[in-house]
Amino acid sequence: MRVIGGKFRSRRLKTFAGTRLRPTSDPLRETLFNVLGASIVGATFADCYAGSGAVGIEALSRGAAKVFFLENYRPAAALIRGNLTSLGVFNGYEILPTDVLGGLEQLERRPVRCDFIFLDPPYDAANEYARTLTWLGASALLAADGLVIAEHARRIPLPASVGALERMRELRQGDSRLSFYRHPPA
């Protein structure tokens, strides 16, 4: 696995062998960041269910000002830290080794406002999509013009709207999907 673009382009990232983590594929990360484009520069980004941290690291590589990595599996949180250290990244991020909802609540209380919130729970934990999207749809964590992006399998349909969030776009690539949610315009 490698960083696709930005200042760390082509640098390798470590992940675990086996099926404990399912990193977002290089082509899907490339598609995601092609859609986000220059809007990532200076943004606050939350990488939820971060795994190896590849998506959040891609955001840092492309100019995000701050990335929050939310990952409750302690070996994965250590892997994220190792990947960042190997790239020479020592600031502009925070690793929250907690469950995603607990981490999101903590960020909202600070109060942080995220421009982008990326969700990639394990595909076999479909209830996590509903739980997290429902919470985000009722929270103030997402900036007014921010986006929630959920990566999911084709076999896991996500709702067109959740609370105050409406799906504005869905991209398909192989068996994976990216669903983009935002607050509707006033």
Protein backbone atom coordinates (compact mmCIF):
# COMPACT_ATOMS: atom_id res chain seq x y z
CA MET A 1 0.00 0.00 0.00
CA ARG A 2 1.30 3.44 -0.88
CA VAL A 3 0.43 7.13 -0.65
CA ILE A 4 -1.15 8.15 -3.98
CA GLY A 5 -0.48 11.90 -4.19
CA GLY A 6 0.87 14.98 -2.48
CA LYS A 7 4.14 15.45 -0.66
CA PHE A 8 4.39 11.78 0.41
CA ARG A 9 3.49 10.44 -3.04
CA SER A 10 4.67 6.86 -3.69
CA ARG A 11 5.82 6.32 -0.09
CA ARG A 12 4.93 2.90 1.27
CA LEU A 13 2.66 2.37 4.27
CA LYS A 14 2.59 -0.69 6.49
CA THR A 15 -0.52 -2.71 7.23
CA PHE A 16 -1.26 -6.02 8.93
CA ALA A 17 -1.14 -9.31 7.11
CA GLY A 18 -4.41 -11.20 6.98
CA THR A 19 -7.92 -9.90 7.22
CA ARG A 20 -7.86 -7.96 10.51
CA LEU A 21 -7.76 -4.68 8.54
CA ARG A 22 -9.28 -3.95 5.15
CA PRO A 23 -7.40 -0.89 3.90
CA THR A 24 -9.08 1.37 1.36
CA SER A 25 -7.61 0.34 -1.98
CA ASP A 26 -5.19 2.64 -3.80
CA PRO A 27 -7.62 3.19 -6.72
CA LEU A 28 -10.52 4.03 -4.40
CA ARG A 29 -8.36 6.47 -2.38
CA GLU A 30 -7.26 8.07 -5.64
CA THR A 31 -10.90 8.45 -6.72
CA LEU A 32 -11.85 9.95 -3.35
CA PHE A 33 -9.09 12.55 -3.38
CA ASN A 34 -9.66 13.39 -7.04
CA VAL A 35 -13.24 14.27 -6.05
CA LEU A 36 -12.14 16.31 -3.02
CA GLY A 37 -9.43 18.05 -5.05
CA ALA A 38 -7.98 21.30 -3.72
CA SER A 39 -10.69 21.57 -1.04
CA ILE A 40 -8.55 19.27 1.13
CA VAL A 41 -5.87 21.98 1.49
CA GLY A 42 -6.15 23.53 4.96
CA ALA A 43 -9.07 21.25 5.90
CA THR A 44 -9.83 19.44 9.14
CA PHE A 45 -10.31 15.73 8.37
CA ALA A 46 -11.52 12.85 10.56
CA ASP A 47 -10.51 9.32 9.51
CA CYS A 48 -12.97 7.09 11.40
CA TYR A 49 -12.25 3.37 11.77
CA ALA A 50 -8.81 4.42 10.53
CA GLY A 51 -7.11 1.01 10.38
CA SER A 52 -3.66 1.64 8.89
CA GLY A 53 -4.38 5.37 8.62
CA ALA A 54 -3.97 5.37 4.82
CA VAL A 55 -6.91 7.70 4.12
CA GLY A 56 -5.96 10.24 6.79
CA ILE A 57 -2.31 10.09 5.75
CA GLU A 58 -3.39 10.74 2.16
CA ALA A 59 -5.28 13.82 3.44
CA LEU A 60 -2.15 15.07 5.24
CA SER A 61 -0.05 14.40 2.15
CA ARG A 62 -2.42 16.53 0.08
CA GLY A 63 -2.43 19.49 2.48
CA ALA A 64 -5.01 18.90 5.22
CA ALA A 65 -4.23 21.14 8.20
CA LYS A 66 -5.37 18.63 10.83
CA VAL A 67 -6.30 14.95 10.74
CA PHE A 68 -7.96 13.03 13.56
CA PHE A 69 -7.45 9.25 13.37
CA LEU A 70 -10.16 7.36 15.30
CA GLU A 71 -9.24 3.70 15.85
CA ASN A 72 -10.09 1.56 18.87
CA TYR A 73 -7.91 -1.44 17.96
CA ARG A 74 -4.73 -0.56 19.83
CA PRO A 75 -2.31 -2.40 17.49
CA ALA A 76 -3.82 -0.46 14.57
CA ALA A 77 -3.44 2.84 16.45
CA ALA A 78 0.23 1.95 16.98
CA LEU A 79 0.52 1.09 13.27
CA ILE A 80 -0.85 4.54 12.35
CA ARG A 81 1.71 6.20 14.62
CA GLY A 82 4.47 4.09 13.02
CA ASN A 83 3.35 5.01 9.50
CA LEU A 84 3.32 8.71 10.39
CA THR A 85 6.75 8.49 12.04
CA SER A 86 8.21 6.70 9.00
CA LEU A 87 7.02 9.66 6.87
CA GLY A 88 8.51 12.20 9.30
CA VAL A 89 5.10 13.55 10.32
CA PHE A 90 5.12 14.69 13.95
CA ASN A 91 2.34 17.29 14.04
CA GLY A 92 -0.94 18.16 12.35
CA TYR A 93 -2.64 15.01 13.58
CA GLU A 94 -4.10 13.34 16.63
CA ILE A 95 -4.72 9.64 17.17
CA LEU A 96 -7.78 8.89 19.30
CA PRO A 97 -7.55 5.23 20.41
CA THR A 98 -11.24 4.97 21.22
CA ASP A 99 -14.46 3.77 19.66
CA VAL A 100 -15.64 6.06 16.89
CA LEU A 101 -18.73 7.50 18.58
CA GLY A 102 -16.77 8.22 21.76
CA GLY A 103 -14.07 9.96 19.70
CA LEU A 104 -16.59 11.97 17.68
CA GLU A 105 -18.35 13.08 20.88
CA GLN A 106 -15.00 14.12 22.33
CA LEU A 107 -14.21 16.20 19.22
CA GLU A 108 -17.62 17.86 19.25
CA ARG A 109 -17.19 18.89 22.91
CA ARG A 110 -13.84 20.65 22.22
CA PRO A 111 -15.45 22.11 19.85
CA VAL A 112 -13.85 20.84 16.64
CA ARG A 113 -15.58 21.37 13.28
CA CYS A 114 -14.59 18.90 10.56
CA ASP A 115 -14.63 19.73 6.88
CA PHE A 116 -14.47 16.02 6.00
CA ILE A 117 -15.43 12.95 8.00
CA PHE A 118 -14.50 9.63 6.39
CA LEU A 119 -16.21 6.45 7.63
CA ASP A 120 -14.92 3.00 6.81
CA PRO A 121 -16.18 0.53 9.42
CA PRO A 122 -15.65 -3.18 8.87
CA TYR A 123 -18.06 -4.30 6.15
CA ASP A 124 -19.40 -7.01 8.45
CA ALA A 125 -20.36 -4.35 11.03
CA ALA A 126 -23.15 -2.80 8.96
CA ASN A 127 -24.83 -1.48 12.13
CA GLU A 128 -21.86 0.90 12.56
CA TYR A 129 -22.90 2.83 9.44
CA ALA A 130 -26.38 3.53 10.80
CA ARG A 131 -25.10 4.29 14.29
CA THR A 132 -22.41 6.72 13.16
CA LEU A 133 -24.39 8.40 10.37
CA THR A 134 -27.36 8.88 12.71
CA TRP A 135 -25.11 10.51 15.31
CA LEU A 136 -23.45 12.74 12.71
CA GLY A 137 -26.85 13.73 11.31
CA ALA A 138 -27.78 15.18 14.71
CA SER A 139 -24.39 16.63 15.73
CA ALA A 140 -22.61 19.94 15.19
CA LEU A 141 -19.26 18.29 14.42
CA LEU A 142 -19.55 18.62 10.64
CA ALA A 143 -18.76 22.10 9.31
CA ALA A 144 -21.67 23.83 7.56
CA ASP A 145 -20.33 23.03 4.09
CA GLY A 146 -18.58 19.81 5.15
CA LEU A 147 -18.89 16.29 3.79
CA VAL A 148 -19.32 12.89 5.39
CA ILE A 149 -17.96 10.19 3.10
CA ALA A 150 -18.82 6.55 3.80
CA GLU A 151 -16.97 3.70 2.12
CA HIS A 152 -19.17 0.61 1.92
CA ALA A 153 -19.67 -2.60 0.01
CA ARG A 154 -22.17 -2.74 -2.83
CA ARG A 155 -24.19 -5.25 -0.81
CA ILE A 156 -24.61 -2.71 2.03
CA PRO A 157 -27.03 -0.04 0.81
CA LEU A 158 -26.92 3.21 2.74
CA PRO A 159 -29.94 5.51 3.16
CA ALA A 160 -30.48 8.58 1.00
CA SER A 161 -30.83 10.70 4.13
CA VAL A 162 -29.97 10.32 7.81
CA GLY A 163 -31.10 13.01 10.25
CA ALA A 164 -29.94 16.33 8.82
CA LEU A 165 -27.64 14.67 6.27
CA GLU A 166 -28.57 13.97 2.67
CA ARG A 167 -26.63 11.82 0.24
CA MET A 168 -25.56 14.01 -2.66
CA ARG A 169 -23.45 11.52 -4.59
CA GLU A 170 -22.48 7.87 -4.77
CA LEU A 171 -19.44 6.61 -6.64
CA ARG A 172 -18.98 2.97 -7.55
CA GLN A 173 -15.72 1.15 -8.04
CA GLY A 174 -15.80 -2.63 -8.21
CA ASP A 175 -17.48 -3.97 -5.08
CA SER A 176 -16.87 -0.74 -3.15
CA ARG A 177 -18.95 2.42 -2.96
CA LEU A 178 -18.34 5.94 -1.68
CA SER A 179 -21.46 7.74 -0.46
CA PHE A 180 -21.12 11.50 0.07
CA TYR A 181 -23.42 13.21 2.59
CA ARG A 182 -23.86 16.86 3.50
CA HIS A 183 -26.30 19.19 5.14
CA PRO A 184 -28.84 20.40 2.57
CA PRO A 185 -28.48 24.04 1.49
CA ALA A 186 -30.53 26.47 3.58
